[in-house]
């Protein structure tokens, strides 16, 4: 079978120039490995294109939507990531780490500020972990949302208020910095709790009304295929 190139998507942070995986919490055994070189050993004389999985997902979401100029993508799942597409191209930043937002909105006064940001509060993995530390018996994010919806546990209610405030701050700040035409949200936590996220989107639009542009919000489409499409568009 003939093909032009191979497109790879991998959790980051990554070294996009060399193809090396720097530090991916989801795949710790892969840290330090050069994925591009490994593929080149098998697929001789083929171009290997490589990027962060959130960036590739963003490119896929951009590609399946027609006639848009820019798209900012967030995934809220086991981990939290983002990718920004402007005029059809991934914005990688100076060292390829743009939109590595796991530690966005850090808590500077904590013992380990480099692991204090948004992902450590609101990712699928950490919602349950943090609530357990507060004494709540909960196994996963799905169960945490179920408890929250009962409005009978004050610890969970307070925790969700904190998450809402942080999400509003994160989305609003992103709009102020990047002014995207549309923000797309994916990932299991977001896709399974759309009413909760829609209320947050409405609040973000109130906050950012001063820029005189009502940023569009949508949930991710064609989740099974969009990242594959993104790989094809690298």
C-alpha atoms as a PDB file:
ATOM      1  CA  UNK A   1       0.000   0.000   0.000  1.00  0.00           C
ATOM      2  CA  UNK A   2       1.429   3.371  -1.020  1.00  0.00           C
ATOM      3  CA  UNK A   3       1.121   6.499   1.104  1.00  0.00           C
ATOM      4  CA  UNK A   4       2.733   9.921   1.275  1.00  0.00           C
ATOM      5  CA  UNK A   5       3.606  10.161   4.963  1.00  0.00           C
ATOM      6  CA  UNK A   6       2.819   8.841   8.429  1.00  0.00           C
ATOM      7  CA  UNK A   7       1.148  11.155  10.927  1.00  0.00           C
ATOM      8  CA  UNK A   8       1.676  10.480  14.632  1.00  0.00           C
ATOM      9  CA  UNK A   9      -0.193  11.928  17.609  1.00  0.00           C
ATOM     10  CA  UNK A  10       1.262  11.456  21.080  1.00  0.00           C
ATOM     11  CA  UNK A  11       0.617  12.915  24.551  1.00  0.00           C
ATOM     12  CA  UNK A  12       3.137  15.613  25.396  1.00  0.00           C
ATOM     13  CA  UNK A  13       5.196  17.532  26.176  1.00  0.00           C
ATOM     14  CA  UNK A  14       7.214  16.585  23.087  1.00  0.00           C
ATOM     15  CA  UNK A  15      10.317  17.706  21.237  1.00  0.00           C
ATOM     16  CA  UNK A  16       8.814  18.353  17.813  1.00  0.00           C
ATOM     17  CA  UNK A  17      12.219  18.932  16.205  1.00  0.00           C
ATOM     18  CA  UNK A  18      13.719  15.580  17.188  1.00  0.00           C
ATOM     19  CA  UNK A  19      10.610  13.431  17.658  1.00  0.00           C
ATOM     20  CA  UNK A  20      11.379  12.680  21.295  1.00  0.00           C
ATOM     21  CA  UNK A  21       8.768  12.199  24.007  1.00  0.00           C
ATOM     22  CA  UNK A  22       9.872  14.444  26.871  1.00  0.00           C
ATOM     23  CA  UNK A  23       7.459  13.704  29.685  1.00  0.00           C
ATOM     24  CA  UNK A  24       4.055  12.131  29.217  1.00  0.00           C
ATOM     25  CA  UNK A  25       2.337  11.077  32.469  1.00  0.00           C
ATOM     26  CA  UNK A  26       0.030   8.704  30.578  1.00  0.00           C
ATOM     27  CA  UNK A  27       2.948   6.694  29.156  1.00  0.00           C
ATOM     28  CA  UNK A  28       5.844   7.048  31.614  1.00  0.00           C
ATOM     29  CA  UNK A  29       7.752   4.110  30.107  1.00  0.00           C
ATOM     30  CA  UNK A  30       7.923   6.043  26.834  1.00  0.00           C
ATOM     31  CA  UNK A  31       9.599   9.127  28.303  1.00  0.00           C
ATOM     32  CA  UNK A  32      12.872   9.806  26.505  1.00  0.00           C
ATOM     33  CA  UNK A  33      11.988   7.595  23.547  1.00  0.00           C
ATOM     34  CA  UNK A  34      12.231   8.944  20.020  1.00  0.00           C
ATOM     35  CA  UNK A  35       9.018   7.857  18.353  1.00  0.00           C
ATOM     36  CA  UNK A  36       9.893   9.345  14.971  1.00  0.00           C
ATOM     37  CA  UNK A  37      13.205   7.471  14.768  1.00  0.00           C
ATOM     38  CA  UNK A  38      11.504   4.208  15.746  1.00  0.00           C
ATOM     39  CA  UNK A  39       9.019   4.593  12.894  1.00  0.00           C
ATOM     40  CA  UNK A  40      11.783   5.524  10.450  1.00  0.00           C
ATOM     41  CA  UNK A  41      13.495   2.203  11.180  1.00  0.00           C
ATOM     42  CA  UNK A  42      10.395   0.371   9.964  1.00  0.00           C
ATOM     43  CA  UNK A  43       9.112   2.701   7.249  1.00  0.00           C
ATOM     44  CA  UNK A  44      12.236   3.528   5.281  1.00  0.00           C
ATOM     45  CA  UNK A  45      12.228   6.631   3.088  1.00  0.00           C
ATOM     46  CA  UNK A  46       8.863   7.772   4.398  1.00  0.00           C
ATOM     47  CA  UNK A  47       8.238  11.148   5.989  1.00  0.00           C
ATOM     48  CA  UNK A  48       7.101  10.919   9.612  1.00  0.00           C
ATOM     49  CA  UNK A  49       5.041  13.845  10.914  1.00  0.00           C
ATOM     50  CA  UNK A  50       4.652  14.149  14.674  1.00  0.00           C
ATOM     51  CA  UNK A  51       2.724  16.364  17.064  1.00  0.00           C
ATOM     52  CA  UNK A  52       0.942  16.550  20.390  1.00  0.00           C
ATOM     53  CA  UNK A  53      -2.323  14.599  20.448  1.00  0.00           C
ATOM     54  CA  UNK A  54      -4.352  17.637  21.532  1.00  0.00           C
ATOM     55  CA  UNK A  55      -2.901  19.675  18.657  1.00  0.00           C
ATOM     56  CA  UNK A  56      -3.746  16.890  16.215  1.00  0.00           C
ATOM     57  CA  UNK A  57      -7.267  16.598  17.621  1.00  0.00           C
ATOM     58  CA  UNK A  58      -7.631  20.369  17.232  1.00  0.00           C
ATOM     59  CA  UNK A  59      -6.527  20.109  13.608  1.00  0.00           C
ATOM     60  CA  UNK A  60      -9.059  17.348  13.036  1.00  0.00           C
ATOM     61  CA  UNK A  61     -11.869  19.413  14.561  1.00  0.00           C
ATOM     62  CA  UNK A  62     -10.807  22.336  12.375  1.00  0.00           C
ATOM     63  CA  UNK A  63     -10.757  20.161   9.247  1.00  0.00           C
ATOM     64  CA  UNK A  64     -14.276  18.773   9.685  1.00  0.00           C
ATOM     65  CA  UNK A  65     -15.698  22.283  10.078  1.00  0.00           C
ATOM     66  CA  UNK A  66     -15.817  24.286   6.873  1.00  0.00           C
ATOM     67  CA  UNK A  67     -15.028  27.964   6.352  1.00  0.00           C
ATOM     68  CA  UNK A  68     -13.584  28.909   9.712  1.00  0.00           C
ATOM     69  CA  UNK A  69     -10.410  30.875  10.354  1.00  0.00           C
ATOM     70  CA  UNK A  70      -9.335  29.801  13.835  1.00  0.00           C
ATOM     71  CA  UNK A  71     -10.231  27.160  16.387  1.00  0.00           C
ATOM     72  CA  UNK A  72      -9.149  26.630  19.979  1.00  0.00           C
ATOM     73  CA  UNK A  73      -9.624  23.081  21.216  1.00  0.00           C
ATOM     74  CA  UNK A  74      -9.732  21.844  24.812  1.00  0.00           C
ATOM     75  CA  UNK A  75      -9.869  18.232  25.907  1.00  0.00           C
ATOM     76  CA  UNK A  76     -11.048  17.539  29.447  1.00  0.00           C
ATOM     77  CA  UNK A  77     -10.567  13.857  30.082  1.00  0.00           C
ATOM     78  CA  UNK A  78      -8.074  11.718  32.021  1.00  0.00           C
ATOM     79  CA  UNK A  79      -5.732  14.631  31.396  1.00  0.00           C
ATOM     80  CA  UNK A  80      -6.366  18.173  30.172  1.00  0.00           C
ATOM     81  CA  UNK A  81      -4.885  19.561  26.979  1.00  0.00           C
ATOM     82  CA  UNK A  82      -5.443  22.135  24.282  1.00  0.00           C
ATOM     83  CA  UNK A  83      -4.500  23.046  20.740  1.00  0.00           C
ATOM     84  CA  UNK A  84      -4.863  26.213  18.694  1.00  0.00           C
ATOM     85  CA  UNK A  85      -5.358  26.261  14.926  1.00  0.00           C
ATOM     86  CA  UNK A  86      -4.999  29.553  13.071  1.00  0.00           C
ATOM     87  CA  UNK A  87      -5.561  29.770   9.314  1.00  0.00           C
ATOM     88  CA  UNK A  88      -5.337  25.996   9.026  1.00  0.00           C
ATOM     89  CA  UNK A  89      -2.033  25.602  10.859  1.00  0.00           C
ATOM     90  CA  UNK A  90      -1.165  24.329  14.334  1.00  0.00           C
ATOM     91  CA  UNK A  91       0.322  27.024  16.549  1.00  0.00           C
ATOM     92  CA  UNK A  92       3.233  25.183  18.176  1.00  0.00           C
ATOM     93  CA  UNK A  93       4.938  28.077  19.947  1.00  0.00           C
ATOM     94  CA  UNK A  94       8.690  28.738  20.138  1.00  0.00           C
ATOM     95  CA  UNK A  95       9.693  25.303  21.477  1.00  0.00           C
ATOM     96  CA  UNK A  96       6.614  23.316  20.457  1.00  0.00           C
ATOM     97  CA  UNK A  97       4.964  23.539  23.866  1.00  0.00           C
ATOM     98  CA  UNK A  98       2.158  26.001  23.095  1.00  0.00           C
ATOM     99  CA  UNK A  99      -1.139  25.023  24.734  1.00  0.00           C
ATOM    100  CA  UNK A 100       0.491  22.588  27.165  1.00  0.00           C
ATOM    101  CA  UNK A 101      -2.005  23.794  29.743  1.00  0.00           C
ATOM    102  CA  UNK A 102      -1.821  21.067  32.392  1.00  0.00           C
ATOM    103  CA  UNK A 103      -0.258  23.522  34.838  1.00  0.00           C
ATOM    104  CA  UNK A 104      -2.185  26.592  33.705  1.00  0.00           C
ATOM    105  CA  UNK A 105      -3.558  28.735  36.556  1.00  0.00           C
ATOM    106  CA  UNK A 106      -0.912  27.415  39.003  1.00  0.00           C
ATOM    107  CA  UNK A 107      -1.046  27.892  42.749  1.00  0.00           C
ATOM    108  CA  UNK A 108       2.259  29.659  43.419  1.00  0.00           C
ATOM    109  CA  UNK A 109       2.174  29.249  47.209  1.00  0.00           C
ATOM    110  CA  UNK A 110       2.002  25.441  47.146  1.00  0.00           C
ATOM    111  CA  UNK A 111       4.918  23.118  47.881  1.00  0.00           C
ATOM    112  CA  UNK A 112       5.117  21.958  44.251  1.00  0.00           C
ATOM    113  CA  UNK A 113       3.872  24.837  42.053  1.00  0.00           C
ATOM    114  CA  UNK A 114       4.871  23.038  38.836  1.00  0.00           C
ATOM    115  CA  UNK A 115       2.158  20.480  39.620  1.00  0.00           C
ATOM    116  CA  UNK A 116      -0.525  22.753  41.023  1.00  0.00           C
ATOM    117  CA  UNK A 117      -2.427  23.939  37.968  1.00  0.00           C
ATOM    118  CA  UNK A 118      -5.719  23.218  36.308  1.00  0.00           C
ATOM    119  CA  UNK A 119      -5.186  19.557  35.401  1.00  0.00           C
ATOM    120  CA  UNK A 120      -4.485  18.741  39.039  1.00  0.00           C
ATOM    121  CA  UNK A 121      -7.917  20.123  39.929  1.00  0.00           C
ATOM    122  CA  UNK A 122     -10.273  19.238  37.097  1.00  0.00           C
ATOM    123  CA  UNK A 123      -9.027  16.306  35.019  1.00  0.00           C
ATOM    124  CA  UNK A 124     -10.990  13.073  35.157  1.00  0.00           C
ATOM    125  CA  UNK A 125      -8.225  11.397  37.112  1.00  0.00           C
ATOM    126  CA  UNK A 126      -7.713  14.189  39.618  1.00  0.00           C
ATOM    127  CA  UNK A 127     -11.332  15.093  40.407  1.00  0.00           C
ATOM    128  CA  UNK A 128     -11.789  11.791  42.229  1.00  0.00           C
ATOM    129  CA  UNK A 129      -8.292  11.880  43.713  1.00  0.00           C
ATOM    130  CA  UNK A 130      -8.697  15.339  45.205  1.00  0.00           C
ATOM    131  CA  UNK A 131     -12.174  14.600  46.564  1.00  0.00           C
ATOM    132  CA  UNK A 132     -10.838  11.446  48.193  1.00  0.00           C
ATOM    133  CA  UNK A 133      -8.179  13.577  49.889  1.00  0.00           C
ATOM    134  CA  UNK A 134     -11.033  15.722  51.238  1.00  0.00           C
ATOM    135  CA  UNK A 135     -12.701  12.665  52.735  1.00  0.00           C
ATOM    136  CA  UNK A 136     -15.296  11.932  50.048  1.00  0.00           C
ATOM    137  CA  UNK A 137     -15.876   8.308  49.082  1.00  0.00           C
ATOM    138  CA  UNK A 138     -15.781   8.485  45.293  1.00  0.00           C
ATOM    139  CA  UNK A 139     -14.198   6.203  42.714  1.00  0.00           C
ATOM    140  CA  UNK A 140     -14.110   8.305  39.540  1.00  0.00           C
ATOM    141  CA  UNK A 141     -15.206  11.538  37.880  1.00  0.00           C
ATOM    142  CA  UNK A 142     -18.524  10.045  36.752  1.00  0.00           C
ATOM    143  CA  UNK A 143     -19.434   9.238  40.341  1.00  0.00           C
ATOM    144  CA  UNK A 144     -18.284  12.692  41.468  1.00  0.00           C
ATOM    145  CA  UNK A 145     -20.676  14.356  39.014  1.00  0.00           C
ATOM    146  CA  UNK A 146     -23.500  12.105  40.197  1.00  0.00           C
ATOM    147  CA  UNK A 147     -22.878  13.156  43.806  1.00  0.00           C
ATOM    148  CA  UNK A 148     -22.673  16.807  42.761  1.00  0.00           C
ATOM    149  CA  UNK A 149     -26.046  16.629  41.009  1.00  0.00           C
ATOM    150  CA  UNK A 150     -27.738  15.509  44.235  1.00  0.00           C
ATOM    151  CA  UNK A 151     -26.638  18.789  45.900  1.00  0.00           C
ATOM    152  CA  UNK A 152     -26.424  16.852  49.184  1.00  0.00           C
ATOM    153  CA  UNK A 153     -22.658  16.863  49.768  1.00  0.00           C
ATOM    154  CA  UNK A 154     -21.263  20.278  50.693  1.00  0.00           C
ATOM    155  CA  UNK A 155     -17.643  19.227  50.130  1.00  0.00           C
ATOM    156  CA  UNK A 156     -18.402  18.112  46.579  1.00  0.00           C
ATOM    157  CA  UNK A 157     -20.541  21.203  45.924  1.00  0.00           C
ATOM    158  CA  UNK A 158     -17.747  23.519  47.070  1.00  0.00           C
ATOM    159  CA  UNK A 159     -15.217  21.620  44.976  1.00  0.00           C
ATOM    160  CA  UNK A 160     -17.360  21.952  41.865  1.00  0.00           C
ATOM    161  CA  UNK A 161     -17.795  25.674  42.490  1.00  0.00           C
ATOM    162  CA  UNK A 162     -14.001  25.957  42.530  1.00  0.00           C
ATOM    163  CA  UNK A 163     -13.775  24.021  39.258  1.00  0.00           C
ATOM    164  CA  UNK A 164     -16.404  26.256  37.664  1.00  0.00           C
ATOM    165  CA  UNK A 165     -14.530  29.408  38.669  1.00  0.00           C
ATOM    166  CA  UNK A 166     -11.241  28.021  37.349  1.00  0.00           C
ATOM    167  CA  UNK A 167     -12.805  26.907  34.064  1.00  0.00           C
ATOM    168  CA  UNK A 168     -14.394  30.312  33.548  1.00  0.00           C
ATOM    169  CA  UNK A 169     -11.023  31.943  34.211  1.00  0.00           C
ATOM    170  CA  UNK A 170      -9.195  29.546  31.887  1.00  0.00           C
ATOM    171  CA  UNK A 171     -11.588  29.907  28.943  1.00  0.00           C
ATOM    172  CA  UNK A 172     -11.920  33.675  29.368  1.00  0.00           C
ATOM    173  CA  UNK A 173      -8.166  34.218  29.553  1.00  0.00           C
ATOM    174  CA  UNK A 174      -7.663  32.039  26.475  1.00  0.00           C
ATOM    175  CA  UNK A 175     -10.174  34.171  24.576  1.00  0.00           C
ATOM    176  CA  UNK A 176      -8.382  37.355  25.597  1.00  0.00           C
ATOM    177  CA  UNK A 177      -5.009  36.008  24.452  1.00  0.00           C
ATOM    178  CA  UNK A 178      -6.011  34.244  21.219  1.00  0.00           C
ATOM    179  CA  UNK A 179      -9.424  35.627  20.153  1.00  0.00           C
ATOM    180  CA  UNK A 180     -10.460  32.353  18.459  1.00  0.00           C
ATOM    181  CA  UNK A 181     -13.433  32.235  16.136  1.00  0.00           C
ATOM    182  CA  UNK A 182     -14.654  29.089  17.900  1.00  0.00           C
ATOM    183  CA  UNK A 183     -13.787  27.050  20.983  1.00  0.00           C
ATOM    184  CA  UNK A 184     -14.384  23.302  20.771  1.00  0.00           C
ATOM    185  CA  UNK A 185     -14.478  21.091  23.858  1.00  0.00           C
ATOM    186  CA  UNK A 186     -13.861  17.344  23.817  1.00  0.00           C
ATOM    187  CA  UNK A 187     -12.824  14.593  26.194  1.00  0.00           C
ATOM    188  CA  UNK A 188     -14.951  12.267  28.280  1.00  0.00           C
ATOM    189  CA  UNK A 189     -15.493  14.630  31.223  1.00  0.00           C
ATOM    190  CA  UNK A 190     -16.813  17.354  28.923  1.00  0.00           C
ATOM    191  CA  UNK A 191     -18.791  15.139  26.566  1.00  0.00           C
ATOM    192  CA  UNK A 192     -20.574  13.359  29.426  1.00  0.00           C
ATOM    193  CA  UNK A 193     -21.484  16.554  31.313  1.00  0.00           C
ATOM    194  CA  UNK A 194     -22.546  18.982  28.603  1.00  0.00           C
ATOM    195  CA  UNK A 195     -25.216  20.815  30.615  1.00  0.00           C
ATOM    196  CA  UNK A 196     -22.646  21.705  33.288  1.00  0.00           C
ATOM    197  CA  UNK A 197     -20.185  22.937  30.674  1.00  0.00           C
ATOM    198  CA  UNK A 198     -22.861  24.899  28.788  1.00  0.00           C
ATOM    199  CA  UNK A 199     -23.576  26.903  31.945  1.00  0.00           C
ATOM    200  CA  UNK A 200     -19.861  27.674  32.172  1.00  0.00           C
ATOM    201  CA  UNK A 201     -19.759  28.765  28.516  1.00  0.00           C
ATOM    202  CA  UNK A 202     -22.601  31.210  29.153  1.00  0.00           C
ATOM    203  CA  UNK A 203     -20.694  32.729  32.054  1.00  0.00           C
ATOM    204  CA  UNK A 204     -17.557  33.024  29.919  1.00  0.00           C
ATOM    205  CA  UNK A 205     -19.538  34.992  27.348  1.00  0.00           C
ATOM    206  CA  UNK A 206     -20.677  37.367  30.091  1.00  0.00           C
ATOM    207  CA  UNK A 207     -17.087  37.856  31.258  1.00  0.00           C
ATOM    208  CA  UNK A 208     -15.709  38.453  27.756  1.00  0.00           C
ATOM    209  CA  UNK A 209     -18.533  40.699  26.527  1.00  0.00           C
ATOM    210  CA  UNK A 210     -16.116  43.644  26.648  1.00  0.00           C
ATOM    211  CA  UNK A 211     -14.349  42.499  23.448  1.00  0.00           C
ATOM    212  CA  UNK A 212     -17.579  42.781  21.415  1.00  0.00           C
ATOM    213  CA  UNK A 213     -17.322  39.272  19.992  1.00  0.00           C
ATOM    214  CA  UNK A 214     -19.468  36.401  21.202  1.00  0.00           C
ATOM    215  CA  UNK A 215     -17.064  33.481  20.892  1.00  0.00           C
ATOM    216  CA  UNK A 216     -18.741  30.353  19.565  1.00  0.00           C
ATOM    217  CA  UNK A 217     -18.633  27.239  21.741  1.00  0.00           C
ATOM    218  CA  UNK A 218     -19.231  23.717  20.451  1.00  0.00           C
ATOM    219  CA  UNK A 219     -18.628  20.198  21.652  1.00  0.00           C
ATOM    220  CA  UNK A 220     -16.323  17.998  19.601  1.00  0.00           C
ATOM    221  CA  UNK A 221     -17.711  16.242  16.533  1.00  0.00           C
ATOM    222  CA  UNK A 222     -16.824  12.862  15.028  1.00  0.00           C
ATOM    223  CA  UNK A 223     -14.609  11.924  17.968  1.00  0.00           C
ATOM    224  CA  UNK A 224     -13.735   8.509  16.539  1.00  0.00           C
ATOM    225  CA  UNK A 225     -12.346   9.958  13.321  1.00  0.00           C
ATOM    226  CA  UNK A 226     -11.295  13.556  13.968  1.00  0.00           C
ATOM    227  CA  UNK A 227      -7.844  12.777  15.375  1.00  0.00           C
ATOM    228  CA  UNK A 228      -7.158  10.438  12.457  1.00  0.00           C
ATOM    229  CA  UNK A 229      -8.219  13.239  10.126  1.00  0.00           C
ATOM    230  CA  UNK A 230      -5.854  15.548  11.994  1.00  0.00           C
ATOM    231  CA  UNK A 231      -2.978  13.107  11.449  1.00  0.00           C
ATOM    232  CA  UNK A 232      -3.742  13.133   7.727  1.00  0.00           C
ATOM    233  CA  UNK A 233      -3.656  16.940   7.692  1.00  0.00           C
ATOM    234  CA  UNK A 234      -0.288  17.347   9.461  1.00  0.00           C
END
